[in-house]
Amino acid sequence: MPKLIFFDIDGTLWDEHMEIPESTRVAIEKLKENGHKTFLCSGRARGNIQDERLLALGFDGIVAACGNHVEMEGKVLFSNLISPERVREIVEVLDACHMPVVLEGPKKHWISKHGFEEDPFVAYLFEEMQERAVPLDGYTEDIEINKFSADVLPTTDYDTIKREISKDFDILEHTENVVEFVPKGSSKATGIQWVCDYLQVPLEDTYAIGDSINDLDMLQYVGHGIAMGNATKPAMDAAEYVTADIHEDGLYLAMEHYGLI
């Protein structure tokens, strides 16, 4: 029976320089030849999953925005959007508390004009997304998002933000100053569950491979959770199996370990 395999992007499919190991390309091609279905499963919103180096690998579907967007063969099957009223409140609270934000949507990202001067990832977003990266200077009615991320600055009133936002968002702290806000009740795991229900595939026939904090739910949820050798310790602890580093053919070896290729 065909298996479903879900791949994180950053640190799993490609490295910090966005280089995809050749062994990873070979592994995904072999998975397809063997009849398995492959999915991108990312914390990135769909608007920031456009790189042809990734899409050319030929995935059957995409679970984006930590489970808040699901598509297969180019057709959107599920999209959980934050209400315009809540988006307005979020923008106003973050602005008042001096927290620069990236509002992440299925088509565009809206990025604070100020506060990200020292953040290289935001510079990458503007370069990579081009016209899909829109400078944010207050709420506008065209903003359509699934989730958002932000930087904690020395001047940020983080306590107020947590009090105002944590009632309906999970706050994932990636580093001491980079945080991600995901609608409660959603995660990569819920996106995977949606796909499994849609395709009527039992959980024991699912695999996921990742490396970071927003991969924990999916690694624990699927039948077989795999952590990269370069993963954080929490990701390794959550996984059933830890493979080699991304630069040591980790993804290929994991697929081989489970007899998928």
Protein backbone atom coordinates (compact mmCIF):
# COMPACT_ATOMS: atom_id res chain seq x y z
CA MET A 1 0.00 0.00 0.00
CA PRO A 2 1.34 3.48 -0.86
CA LYS A 3 2.71 5.47 2.07
CA LEU A 4 2.43 9.20 2.75
CA ILE A 5 5.70 11.00 3.53
CA PHE A 6 5.73 14.58 4.84
CA PHE A 7 8.86 16.72 4.57
CA ASP A 8 9.80 19.84 6.47
CA ILE A 9 11.72 22.31 4.30
CA ASP A 10 14.33 24.28 6.22
CA GLY A 11 17.06 22.09 7.66
CA THR A 12 15.47 18.99 6.13
CA LEU A 13 15.09 19.34 2.36
CA TRP A 14 17.58 22.17 2.05
CA ASP A 15 20.25 23.75 4.24
CA GLU A 16 20.74 27.32 5.47
CA HIS A 17 21.99 28.27 1.99
CA MET A 18 18.89 26.73 0.37
CA GLU A 19 20.98 24.00 -1.23
CA ILE A 20 19.26 20.64 -1.78
CA PRO A 21 21.59 17.63 -1.49
CA GLU A 22 21.65 15.48 -4.61
CA SER A 23 20.87 12.42 -2.48
CA THR A 24 17.63 14.11 -1.40
CA ARG A 25 16.58 14.60 -5.02
CA VAL A 26 17.30 10.94 -5.72
CA ALA A 27 15.37 9.80 -2.64
CA ILE A 28 12.22 11.71 -3.56
CA GLU A 29 12.36 10.47 -7.14
CA LYS A 30 12.66 6.88 -5.89
CA LEU A 31 9.75 7.38 -3.50
CA LYS A 32 7.57 8.46 -6.42
CA GLU A 33 8.76 5.53 -8.55
CA ASN A 34 7.72 3.21 -5.72
CA GLY A 35 4.21 4.66 -5.70
CA HIS A 36 4.40 6.65 -2.46
CA LYS A 37 2.90 10.12 -2.09
CA THR A 38 5.14 12.97 -0.96
CA PHE A 39 4.17 16.26 0.65
CA LEU A 40 5.89 19.45 1.68
CA CYS A 41 4.88 20.10 5.28
CA SER A 42 6.10 23.49 6.38
CA GLY A 43 5.64 26.24 8.91
CA ARG A 44 6.03 28.60 5.96
CA ALA A 45 2.79 29.98 4.60
CA ARG A 46 2.03 29.07 0.98
CA GLY A 47 2.98 32.54 -0.22
CA ASN A 48 6.56 31.75 0.76
CA ILE A 49 6.70 28.33 -0.88
CA GLN A 50 7.39 29.31 -4.46
CA ASP A 51 11.00 28.33 -5.06
CA GLU A 52 11.22 26.20 -8.20
CA ARG A 53 14.10 24.23 -6.73
CA LEU A 54 11.61 22.81 -4.23
CA LEU A 55 8.52 22.60 -6.41
CA ALA A 56 10.46 20.90 -9.21
CA LEU A 57 10.97 17.90 -6.93
CA GLY A 58 7.39 17.00 -7.80
CA PHE A 59 5.53 16.76 -4.51
CA ASP A 60 1.95 15.50 -4.61
CA GLY A 61 0.77 18.18 -2.21
CA ILE A 62 1.64 20.93 0.24
CA VAL A 63 0.72 21.35 3.89
CA ALA A 64 1.65 24.96 4.67
CA ALA A 65 1.34 27.52 7.48
CA CYS A 66 1.60 24.88 10.22
CA GLY A 67 -1.42 22.95 8.96
CA ASN A 68 -3.59 25.96 8.10
CA HIS A 69 -3.36 25.43 4.33
CA VAL A 70 -3.62 22.14 2.42
CA GLU A 71 -3.44 21.60 -1.31
CA MET A 72 -2.95 18.70 -3.69
CA GLU A 73 -1.95 18.81 -7.33
CA GLY A 74 -2.26 22.59 -7.31
CA LYS A 75 -5.81 22.66 -5.91
CA VAL A 76 -6.46 24.27 -2.52
CA LEU A 77 -8.47 21.86 -0.38
CA PHE A 78 -8.37 23.67 2.96
CA SER A 79 -7.42 27.17 4.10
CA ASN A 80 -7.87 28.55 7.61
CA LEU A 81 -7.67 32.34 7.42
CA ILE A 82 -7.55 34.68 10.41
CA SER A 83 -10.58 36.98 10.43
CA PRO A 84 -10.04 40.58 9.27
CA GLU A 85 -11.21 41.85 12.67
CA ARG A 86 -8.60 39.75 14.48
CA VAL A 87 -5.89 40.75 12.01
CA ARG A 88 -6.63 44.41 12.73
CA GLU A 89 -6.37 43.79 16.48
CA ILE A 90 -3.09 41.91 16.04
CA VAL A 91 -1.52 44.67 13.96
CA GLU A 92 -2.58 47.32 16.45
CA VAL A 93 -1.34 45.39 19.50
CA LEU A 94 2.02 44.52 17.96
CA ASP A 95 2.55 48.08 16.78
CA ALA A 96 1.74 49.50 20.23
CA CYS A 97 4.09 46.96 21.85
CA HIS A 98 6.96 47.62 19.40
CA MET A 99 7.11 44.15 17.87
CA PRO A 100 7.90 43.98 14.12
CA VAL A 101 5.84 41.32 12.38
CA VAL A 102 5.65 39.20 9.25
CA LEU A 103 1.99 38.51 8.43
CA GLU A 104 2.03 35.27 6.46
CA GLY A 105 -0.62 34.53 3.86
CA PRO A 106 -1.34 32.04 1.07
CA LYS A 107 -0.45 34.59 -1.61
CA LYS A 108 1.47 37.45 0.03
CA HIS A 109 3.36 38.43 3.17
CA TRP A 110 3.00 41.81 4.86
CA ILE A 111 6.22 42.86 6.62
CA SER A 112 6.75 45.70 9.11
CA LYS A 113 8.67 48.61 7.62
CA HIS A 114 10.69 49.10 10.78
CA GLY A 115 12.34 46.82 13.33
CA PHE A 116 13.77 44.17 11.05
CA GLU A 117 16.93 46.03 10.11
CA GLU A 118 19.12 43.38 11.78
CA ASP A 119 17.11 40.34 10.64
CA PRO A 120 18.72 38.64 7.60
CA PHE A 121 15.69 36.37 7.07
CA VAL A 122 13.46 39.37 6.41
CA ALA A 123 15.95 40.69 3.88
CA TYR A 124 15.75 37.27 2.22
CA LEU A 125 11.94 37.47 2.15
CA PHE A 126 11.94 40.76 0.26
CA GLU A 127 14.53 39.42 -2.19
CA GLU A 128 12.85 36.06 -2.70
CA MET A 129 9.19 37.07 -2.71
CA GLN A 130 9.57 40.33 -4.66
CA GLU A 131 6.11 41.89 -5.17
CA ARG A 132 4.54 39.25 -2.89
CA ALA A 133 6.38 40.85 0.06
CA VAL A 134 4.44 44.00 0.96
CA PRO A 135 5.79 46.65 3.39
CA LEU A 136 3.38 46.93 6.33
CA ASP A 137 2.52 50.31 7.79
CA GLY A 138 -0.70 49.67 9.68
CA TYR A 139 -3.73 47.52 8.96
CA THR A 140 -5.24 47.41 5.47
CA GLU A 141 -8.32 45.48 4.33
CA ASP A 142 -6.45 43.43 1.73
CA ILE A 143 -4.41 41.53 4.33
CA GLU A 144 -5.22 37.81 4.16
CA ILE A 145 -3.15 35.54 6.42
CA ASN A 146 -3.00 32.12 8.09
CA LYS A 147 -0.39 32.91 10.78
CA PHE A 148 2.36 35.38 11.65
CA SER A 149 5.90 35.61 13.01
CA ALA A 150 7.73 38.38 14.83
CA ASP A 151 10.95 39.53 16.46
CA VAL A 152 11.25 40.38 20.14
CA LEU A 153 13.26 43.60 20.39
CA PRO A 154 14.76 45.13 23.56
CA THR A 155 11.90 47.66 23.42
CA THR A 156 9.14 45.05 22.87
CA ASP A 157 6.45 44.70 25.55
CA TYR A 158 6.39 40.93 25.15
CA ASP A 159 4.35 40.28 28.30
CA THR A 160 1.44 42.36 26.99
CA ILE A 161 1.62 40.63 23.63
CA LYS A 162 1.49 37.19 25.22
CA ARG A 163 -1.46 38.24 27.37
CA GLU A 164 -3.40 39.71 24.43
CA ILE A 165 -2.63 37.07 21.82
CA SER A 166 -2.03 33.75 23.58
CA LYS A 167 -5.76 33.16 24.17
CA ASP A 168 -6.23 32.14 20.56
CA PHE A 169 -2.68 31.57 19.29
CA ASP A 170 0.07 29.17 20.27
CA ILE A 171 3.37 31.01 20.58
CA LEU A 172 6.39 29.04 19.38
CA GLU A 173 9.69 30.50 20.55
CA HIS A 174 12.38 29.53 18.04
CA THR A 175 15.21 31.58 19.52
CA GLU A 176 15.49 34.20 22.21
CA ASN A 177 14.07 36.81 19.84
CA VAL A 178 12.18 34.99 17.03
CA VAL A 179 8.62 33.83 17.72
CA GLU A 180 5.86 32.27 15.63
CA PHE A 181 2.12 32.64 16.25
CA VAL A 182 -0.08 29.75 15.11
CA PRO A 183 -3.89 29.57 15.54
CA LYS A 184 -4.73 27.29 18.46
CA GLY A 185 -5.85 23.84 17.47
CA SER A 186 -3.70 23.85 14.34
CA SER A 187 -0.26 22.43 13.63
CA LYS A 188 1.58 20.43 11.05
CA ALA A 189 -0.07 17.41 12.67
CA THR A 190 -3.60 18.68 12.01
CA GLY A 191 -2.64 19.32 8.39
CA ILE A 192 -1.38 15.77 8.11
CA GLN A 193 -4.58 14.49 9.72
CA TRP A 194 -6.60 16.40 7.11
CA VAL A 195 -4.64 14.74 4.30
CA CYS A 196 -4.98 11.28 5.84
CA ASP A 197 -8.73 11.69 6.21
CA TYR A 198 -9.04 13.01 2.65
CA LEU A 199 -7.04 10.13 1.15
CA GLN A 200 -8.33 7.55 3.66
CA VAL A 201 -4.82 6.43 4.59
CA PRO A 202 -4.27 4.92 8.06
CA LEU A 203 -1.85 6.67 10.38
CA GLU A 204 0.53 3.70 10.49
CA ASP A 205 1.28 4.33 6.81
CA THR A 206 2.51 7.89 7.40
CA TYR A 207 6.03 9.23 7.84
CA ALA A 208 7.32 12.71 8.66
CA ILE A 209 10.83 14.11 8.77
CA GLY A 210 11.90 17.41 10.30
CA ASP A 211 14.36 19.22 12.51
CA SER A 212 12.85 22.02 14.62
CA ILE A 213 10.33 23.08 17.26
CA ASN A 214 7.36 23.42 14.91
CA ASP A 215 7.94 19.81 13.78
CA LEU A 216 7.32 18.28 17.22
CA ASP A 217 3.58 17.72 16.77
CA MET A 218 3.95 16.06 13.39
CA LEU A 219 6.84 13.86 14.52
CA GLN A 220 4.75 12.61 17.43
CA TYR A 221 1.53 12.29 15.42
CA VAL A 222 2.55 10.26 12.37
CA GLY A 223 3.14 6.54 12.36
CA HIS A 224 6.87 7.10 12.02
CA GLY A 225 8.54 10.37 13.03
CA ILE A 226 12.09 11.01 11.82
CA ALA A 227 14.48 13.71 13.03
CA MET A 228 17.42 14.92 10.99
CA GLY A 229 20.88 14.53 12.50
CA ASN A 230 21.10 18.34 12.56
CA ALA A 231 17.77 18.63 14.42
CA THR A 232 17.19 20.37 17.73
CA LYS A 233 17.20 18.13 20.79
CA PRO A 234 13.39 18.44 21.29
CA ALA A 235 12.86 17.23 17.71
CA MET A 236 15.21 14.31 18.26
CA ASP A 237 13.44 13.40 21.49
CA ALA A 238 10.06 13.48 19.72
CA ALA A 239 11.16 11.24 16.86
CA GLU A 240 11.00 7.47 16.50
CA TYR A 241 14.25 7.50 14.52
CA VAL A 242 17.15 9.96 14.18
CA THR A 243 18.95 9.89 10.85
CA ALA A 244 22.20 11.52 9.73
CA ASP A 245 22.87 15.21 9.14
CA ILE A 246 21.43 16.90 6.05
CA HIS A 247 24.96 17.07 4.59
CA GLU A 248 25.51 13.37 5.26
CA ASP A 249 22.60 12.11 3.14
CA GLY A 250 20.31 12.04 6.16
CA LEU A 251 17.03 12.15 4.27
CA TYR A 252 18.05 9.44 1.81
CA LEU A 253 19.30 7.18 4.60
CA ALA A 254 16.04 7.63 6.53
CA MET A 255 13.94 6.58 3.55
CA GLU A 256 16.25 3.62 3.04
CA HIS A 257 16.07 2.70 6.75
CA TYR A 258 12.29 2.32 6.51
CA GLY A 259 12.43 0.38 3.25
CA LEU A 260 10.61 3.10 1.32
CA ILE A 261 13.32 3.22 -1.34
